[in-house]
Amino acid sequence: MIREPLGAETAADLAKAFKALSDPVRLRLLSLIASHEGGEACVCDLTGPFDVSQPTISHHLKVLREAGLVDSERRGTWVYYWVLPAALTRLSSLLQAPAGTTE
C-alpha cells in the first residue's frame, strides 16, 4: 500500500509500466507468461494465441521487458520469458485501497 505521495521518478517508472499494460496484446502476453506452467514461457508458445505476426509479438515483448515487467533469457534458438514479481507488487501496491476505506 502507498503510504506517501509518489516522487517524480517513481511515478515515471510506474507510468511506463502501466502504459505498457494499456495495450490488450501486451496485457494478454503478460497473463500468458504468468500463468504458463513453471512460471516462464518460450516465445514459441506465445505467438499462437494472437492474430498478429511474430515480429509484432517480439515488439510487444520488448516493450514489456523495457517497462521492467518481464525478463528473458535465450536458450539455444528460443527465448524464454518470465514475469518479474517485484514489478507486479509495485503496481498492485499503488492500486490497493488505503486501510479504513469503504466501498
N, C-alpha and C. Protein backbone atom coordinates (compact mmCIF):
# COMPACT_ATOMS: atom_id res chain seq x y z
N MET A 1 0.84 -1.17 0.00
CA MET A 1 0.00 0.00 0.00
C MET A 1 0.89 1.24 0.00
N ILE A 2 0.49 2.25 -0.73
CA ILE A 2 1.22 3.51 -0.79
C ILE A 2 0.97 4.27 0.51
N ARG A 3 2.03 4.66 1.15
CA ARG A 3 1.91 5.37 2.43
C ARG A 3 2.27 6.84 2.30
N GLU A 4 2.85 7.22 1.16
CA GLU A 4 3.20 8.62 0.93
C GLU A 4 3.08 8.91 -0.56
N PRO A 5 2.95 10.18 -0.93
CA PRO A 5 2.82 10.52 -2.35
C PRO A 5 4.05 10.05 -3.14
N LEU A 6 3.81 9.72 -4.39
CA LEU A 6 4.89 9.26 -5.26
C LEU A 6 5.80 10.42 -5.63
N GLY A 7 7.09 10.12 -5.70
CA GLY A 7 8.04 11.08 -6.23
C GLY A 7 8.00 11.05 -7.75
N ALA A 8 8.61 12.03 -8.39
CA ALA A 8 8.57 12.16 -9.84
C ALA A 8 9.18 10.94 -10.54
N GLU A 9 10.32 10.46 -10.05
CA GLU A 9 10.99 9.32 -10.69
C GLU A 9 10.18 8.04 -10.55
N THR A 10 9.65 7.79 -9.36
CA THR A 10 8.82 6.60 -9.15
C THR A 10 7.56 6.66 -9.99
N ALA A 11 6.95 7.83 -10.06
CA ALA A 11 5.74 7.99 -10.88
C ALA A 11 6.04 7.72 -12.34
N ALA A 12 7.19 8.19 -12.83
CA ALA A 12 7.57 7.97 -14.22
C ALA A 12 7.78 6.48 -14.50
N ASP A 13 8.43 5.78 -13.57
CA ASP A 13 8.65 4.34 -13.73
C ASP A 13 7.33 3.57 -13.74
N LEU A 14 6.46 3.90 -12.81
CA LEU A 14 5.16 3.22 -12.74
C LEU A 14 4.31 3.54 -13.97
N ALA A 15 4.36 4.78 -14.42
CA ALA A 15 3.59 5.16 -15.60
C ALA A 15 4.05 4.38 -16.83
N LYS A 16 5.35 4.15 -16.94
CA LYS A 16 5.87 3.36 -18.06
C LYS A 16 5.32 1.94 -18.02
N ALA A 17 5.24 1.36 -16.83
CA ALA A 17 4.71 0.00 -16.70
C ALA A 17 3.21 -0.02 -17.01
N PHE A 18 2.46 0.93 -16.48
CA PHE A 18 1.03 0.98 -16.76
C PHE A 18 0.77 1.23 -18.25
N LYS A 19 1.59 2.08 -18.86
CA LYS A 19 1.44 2.34 -20.29
C LYS A 19 1.69 1.07 -21.09
N ALA A 20 2.70 0.29 -20.69
CA ALA A 20 2.98 -0.97 -21.37
C ALA A 20 1.78 -1.92 -21.27
N LEU A 21 1.11 -1.90 -20.15
CA LEU A 21 -0.04 -2.79 -19.93
C LEU A 21 -1.32 -2.26 -20.55
N SER A 22 -1.30 -1.04 -21.07
CA SER A 22 -2.53 -0.47 -21.62
C SER A 22 -2.87 -1.05 -22.99
N ASP A 23 -1.97 -1.81 -23.58
CA ASP A 23 -2.23 -2.46 -24.86
C ASP A 23 -2.79 -3.86 -24.60
N PRO A 24 -3.91 -4.22 -25.23
CA PRO A 24 -4.53 -5.53 -24.98
C PRO A 24 -3.61 -6.71 -25.29
N VAL A 25 -2.81 -6.61 -26.33
CA VAL A 25 -1.91 -7.72 -26.67
C VAL A 25 -0.86 -7.88 -25.57
N ARG A 26 -0.30 -6.78 -25.11
CA ARG A 26 0.72 -6.88 -24.05
C ARG A 26 0.11 -7.37 -22.74
N LEU A 27 -1.08 -6.93 -22.43
CA LEU A 27 -1.74 -7.41 -21.21
C LEU A 27 -1.98 -8.92 -21.30
N ARG A 28 -2.41 -9.38 -22.46
CA ARG A 28 -2.61 -10.83 -22.66
C ARG A 28 -1.29 -11.58 -22.61
N LEU A 29 -0.24 -11.01 -23.19
CA LEU A 29 1.07 -11.66 -23.15
C LEU A 29 1.54 -11.82 -21.71
N LEU A 30 1.41 -10.76 -20.91
CA LEU A 30 1.81 -10.85 -19.51
C LEU A 30 1.02 -11.94 -18.79
N SER A 31 -0.27 -12.00 -19.05
CA SER A 31 -1.12 -13.02 -18.44
C SER A 31 -0.71 -14.42 -18.88
N LEU A 32 -0.42 -14.59 -20.16
CA LEU A 32 0.01 -15.90 -20.66
C LEU A 32 1.32 -16.34 -20.02
N ILE A 33 2.25 -15.42 -19.91
CA ILE A 33 3.55 -15.76 -19.31
C ILE A 33 3.36 -16.12 -17.84
N ALA A 34 2.62 -15.29 -17.12
CA ALA A 34 2.43 -15.51 -15.68
C ALA A 34 1.70 -16.81 -15.39
N SER A 35 0.79 -17.20 -16.25
CA SER A 35 0.00 -18.40 -15.99
C SER A 35 0.59 -19.66 -16.62
N HIS A 36 1.68 -19.51 -17.34
CA HIS A 36 2.30 -20.66 -18.00
C HIS A 36 2.92 -21.58 -16.96
N GLU A 37 2.84 -22.87 -17.23
CA GLU A 37 3.39 -23.86 -16.30
C GLU A 37 4.87 -23.58 -16.05
N GLY A 38 5.26 -23.56 -14.79
CA GLY A 38 6.64 -23.28 -14.43
C GLY A 38 6.95 -21.80 -14.32
N GLY A 39 5.99 -20.93 -14.64
CA GLY A 39 6.19 -19.50 -14.49
C GLY A 39 7.00 -18.84 -15.57
N GLU A 40 7.33 -19.60 -16.63
CA GLU A 40 8.03 -18.99 -17.75
C GLU A 40 7.52 -19.61 -19.04
N ALA A 41 7.62 -18.84 -20.11
CA ALA A 41 7.09 -19.32 -21.39
C ALA A 41 8.10 -19.05 -22.51
N CYS A 42 8.19 -20.00 -23.40
CA CYS A 42 9.01 -19.85 -24.60
C CYS A 42 8.25 -18.95 -25.57
N VAL A 43 8.98 -18.12 -26.29
CA VAL A 43 8.34 -17.26 -27.27
C VAL A 43 7.55 -18.10 -28.28
N CYS A 44 7.98 -19.33 -28.49
CA CYS A 44 7.27 -20.22 -29.42
C CYS A 44 5.87 -20.55 -28.91
N ASP A 45 5.64 -20.45 -27.61
CA ASP A 45 4.32 -20.70 -27.02
C ASP A 45 3.45 -19.45 -27.00
N LEU A 46 4.02 -18.31 -27.31
CA LEU A 46 3.30 -17.04 -27.16
C LEU A 46 2.75 -16.49 -28.47
N THR A 47 3.14 -17.05 -29.58
CA THR A 47 2.71 -16.49 -30.86
C THR A 47 1.37 -17.04 -31.33
N GLY A 48 1.04 -18.27 -30.98
CA GLY A 48 -0.17 -18.91 -31.46
C GLY A 48 -1.48 -18.24 -31.09
N PRO A 49 -1.66 -17.78 -29.86
CA PRO A 49 -2.96 -17.23 -29.45
C PRO A 49 -3.32 -15.87 -30.07
N PHE A 50 -2.44 -15.30 -30.87
CA PHE A 50 -2.67 -13.94 -31.37
C PHE A 50 -2.82 -13.91 -32.88
N ASP A 51 -3.53 -12.93 -33.34
CA ASP A 51 -3.76 -12.72 -34.77
C ASP A 51 -2.82 -11.66 -35.30
N VAL A 52 -1.58 -11.67 -34.81
CA VAL A 52 -0.56 -10.72 -35.27
C VAL A 52 0.70 -11.50 -35.62
N SER A 53 1.61 -10.87 -36.34
CA SER A 53 2.82 -11.55 -36.79
C SER A 53 3.80 -11.77 -35.63
N GLN A 54 4.75 -12.67 -35.85
CA GLN A 54 5.77 -12.94 -34.84
C GLN A 54 6.61 -11.70 -34.55
N PRO A 55 6.99 -10.89 -35.56
CA PRO A 55 7.72 -9.66 -35.23
C PRO A 55 6.92 -8.70 -34.34
N THR A 56 5.61 -8.68 -34.52
CA THR A 56 4.77 -7.83 -33.67
C THR A 56 4.77 -8.34 -32.23
N ILE A 57 4.69 -9.65 -32.06
CA ILE A 57 4.78 -10.25 -30.72
C ILE A 57 6.12 -9.90 -30.09
N SER A 58 7.20 -10.01 -30.87
CA SER A 58 8.53 -9.67 -30.36
C SER A 58 8.60 -8.21 -29.92
N HIS A 59 7.98 -7.33 -30.67
CA HIS A 59 7.94 -5.91 -30.30
C HIS A 59 7.22 -5.73 -28.96
N HIS A 60 6.07 -6.37 -28.81
CA HIS A 60 5.30 -6.24 -27.57
C HIS A 60 6.08 -6.81 -26.38
N LEU A 61 6.78 -7.92 -26.59
CA LEU A 61 7.60 -8.49 -25.52
C LEU A 61 8.74 -7.55 -25.14
N LYS A 62 9.31 -6.89 -26.13
CA LYS A 62 10.37 -5.91 -25.87
C LYS A 62 9.84 -4.76 -25.02
N VAL A 63 8.64 -4.28 -25.33
CA VAL A 63 8.04 -3.20 -24.55
C VAL A 63 7.83 -3.64 -23.10
N LEU A 64 7.33 -4.86 -22.90
CA LEU A 64 7.14 -5.38 -21.54
C LEU A 64 8.48 -5.50 -20.81
N ARG A 65 9.51 -5.93 -21.52
CA ARG A 65 10.83 -6.06 -20.92
C ARG A 65 11.39 -4.69 -20.56
N GLU A 66 11.27 -3.72 -21.46
CA GLU A 66 11.79 -2.38 -21.19
C GLU A 66 11.03 -1.68 -20.06
N ALA A 67 9.78 -2.06 -19.86
CA ALA A 67 8.99 -1.50 -18.76
C ALA A 67 9.29 -2.18 -17.44
N GLY A 68 10.14 -3.20 -17.47
CA GLY A 68 10.53 -3.89 -16.25
C GLY A 68 9.50 -4.88 -15.73
N LEU A 69 8.60 -5.32 -16.60
CA LEU A 69 7.55 -6.25 -16.17
C LEU A 69 7.93 -7.71 -16.38
N VAL A 70 8.75 -7.98 -17.38
CA VAL A 70 9.21 -9.34 -17.65
C VAL A 70 10.71 -9.31 -17.88
N ASP A 71 11.30 -10.48 -17.78
CA ASP A 71 12.70 -10.64 -18.14
C ASP A 71 12.78 -11.84 -19.07
N SER A 72 13.93 -12.01 -19.70
CA SER A 72 14.05 -13.09 -20.68
C SER A 72 15.46 -13.64 -20.70
N GLU A 73 15.56 -14.83 -21.33
CA GLU A 73 16.85 -15.48 -21.47
C GLU A 73 16.81 -16.32 -22.74
N ARG A 74 17.86 -16.22 -23.54
CA ARG A 74 17.96 -17.04 -24.74
C ARG A 74 18.52 -18.41 -24.35
N ARG A 75 17.85 -19.44 -24.82
CA ARG A 75 18.29 -20.82 -24.61
C ARG A 75 18.29 -21.50 -25.97
N GLY A 76 19.44 -21.63 -26.54
CA GLY A 76 19.53 -22.18 -27.90
C GLY A 76 18.91 -21.20 -28.88
N THR A 77 17.93 -21.68 -29.64
CA THR A 77 17.30 -20.80 -30.64
C THR A 77 16.08 -20.09 -30.09
N TRP A 78 15.63 -20.44 -28.87
CA TRP A 78 14.41 -19.85 -28.32
C TRP A 78 14.71 -18.89 -27.18
N VAL A 79 13.80 -17.95 -27.00
CA VAL A 79 13.90 -17.02 -25.87
C VAL A 79 12.75 -17.34 -24.92
N TYR A 80 13.06 -17.42 -23.64
CA TYR A 80 12.08 -17.71 -22.60
C TYR A 80 11.84 -16.44 -21.78
N TYR A 81 10.58 -16.24 -21.41
CA TYR A 81 10.16 -15.05 -20.67
C TYR A 81 9.52 -15.45 -19.35
N TRP A 82 9.69 -14.60 -18.34
CA TRP A 82 9.02 -14.77 -17.06
C TRP A 82 8.68 -13.40 -16.50
N VAL A 83 7.63 -13.37 -15.69
CA VAL A 83 7.17 -12.13 -15.07
C VAL A 83 8.06 -11.81 -13.88
N LEU A 84 8.33 -10.54 -13.66
CA LEU A 84 9.11 -10.10 -12.50
C LEU A 84 8.15 -9.76 -11.37
N PRO A 85 8.08 -10.62 -10.36
CA PRO A 85 7.10 -10.42 -9.28
C PRO A 85 7.21 -9.07 -8.58
N ALA A 86 8.41 -8.55 -8.40
CA ALA A 86 8.57 -7.27 -7.72
C ALA A 86 7.88 -6.15 -8.49
N ALA A 87 7.90 -6.22 -9.81
CA ALA A 87 7.23 -5.20 -10.62
C ALA A 87 5.72 -5.26 -10.41
N LEU A 88 5.18 -6.46 -10.37
CA LEU A 88 3.73 -6.59 -10.15
C LEU A 88 3.36 -6.13 -8.75
N THR A 89 4.21 -6.39 -7.79
CA THR A 89 3.96 -5.94 -6.42
C THR A 89 3.91 -4.42 -6.36
N ARG A 90 4.84 -3.76 -7.06
CA ARG A 90 4.85 -2.28 -7.08
C ARG A 90 3.58 -1.73 -7.69
N LEU A 91 3.14 -2.35 -8.80
CA LEU A 91 1.92 -1.88 -9.45
C LEU A 91 0.70 -2.11 -8.57
N SER A 92 0.62 -3.29 -7.99
CA SER A 92 -0.57 -3.61 -7.19
C SER A 92 -0.62 -2.80 -5.90
N SER A 93 0.54 -2.45 -5.34
CA SER A 93 0.51 -1.66 -4.11
C SER A 93 -0.06 -0.27 -4.36
N LEU A 94 0.14 0.25 -5.55
CA LEU A 94 -0.41 1.56 -5.89
C LEU A 94 -1.93 1.49 -6.01
N LEU A 95 -2.44 0.35 -6.42
CA LEU A 95 -3.87 0.21 -6.66
C LEU A 95 -4.66 -0.24 -5.44
N GLN A 96 -3.98 -0.61 -4.36
CA GLN A 96 -4.68 -1.04 -3.15
C GLN A 96 -5.32 0.16 -2.45
N ALA A 97 -6.54 -0.06 -2.00
CA ALA A 97 -7.23 0.99 -1.26
C ALA A 97 -6.57 1.15 0.11
N PRO A 98 -6.46 2.39 0.59
CA PRO A 98 -5.90 2.61 1.92
C PRO A 98 -6.76 1.92 3.00
N ALA A 99 -6.12 1.52 4.06
CA ALA A 99 -6.83 0.88 5.16
C ALA A 99 -7.90 1.80 5.70
N GLY A 100 -9.04 1.24 6.02
CA GLY A 100 -10.11 2.03 6.61
C GLY A 100 -11.07 2.64 5.60
N THR A 101 -10.82 2.42 4.32
CA THR A 101 -11.76 2.96 3.32
C THR A 101 -12.88 1.96 3.12
N THR A 102 -14.00 2.46 2.73
CA THR A 102 -15.14 1.59 2.47
C THR A 102 -15.49 1.61 1.00
N GLU A 103 -16.25 0.63 0.61
CA GLU A 103 -16.66 0.54 -0.80
C GLU A 103 -17.78 1.49 -1.11
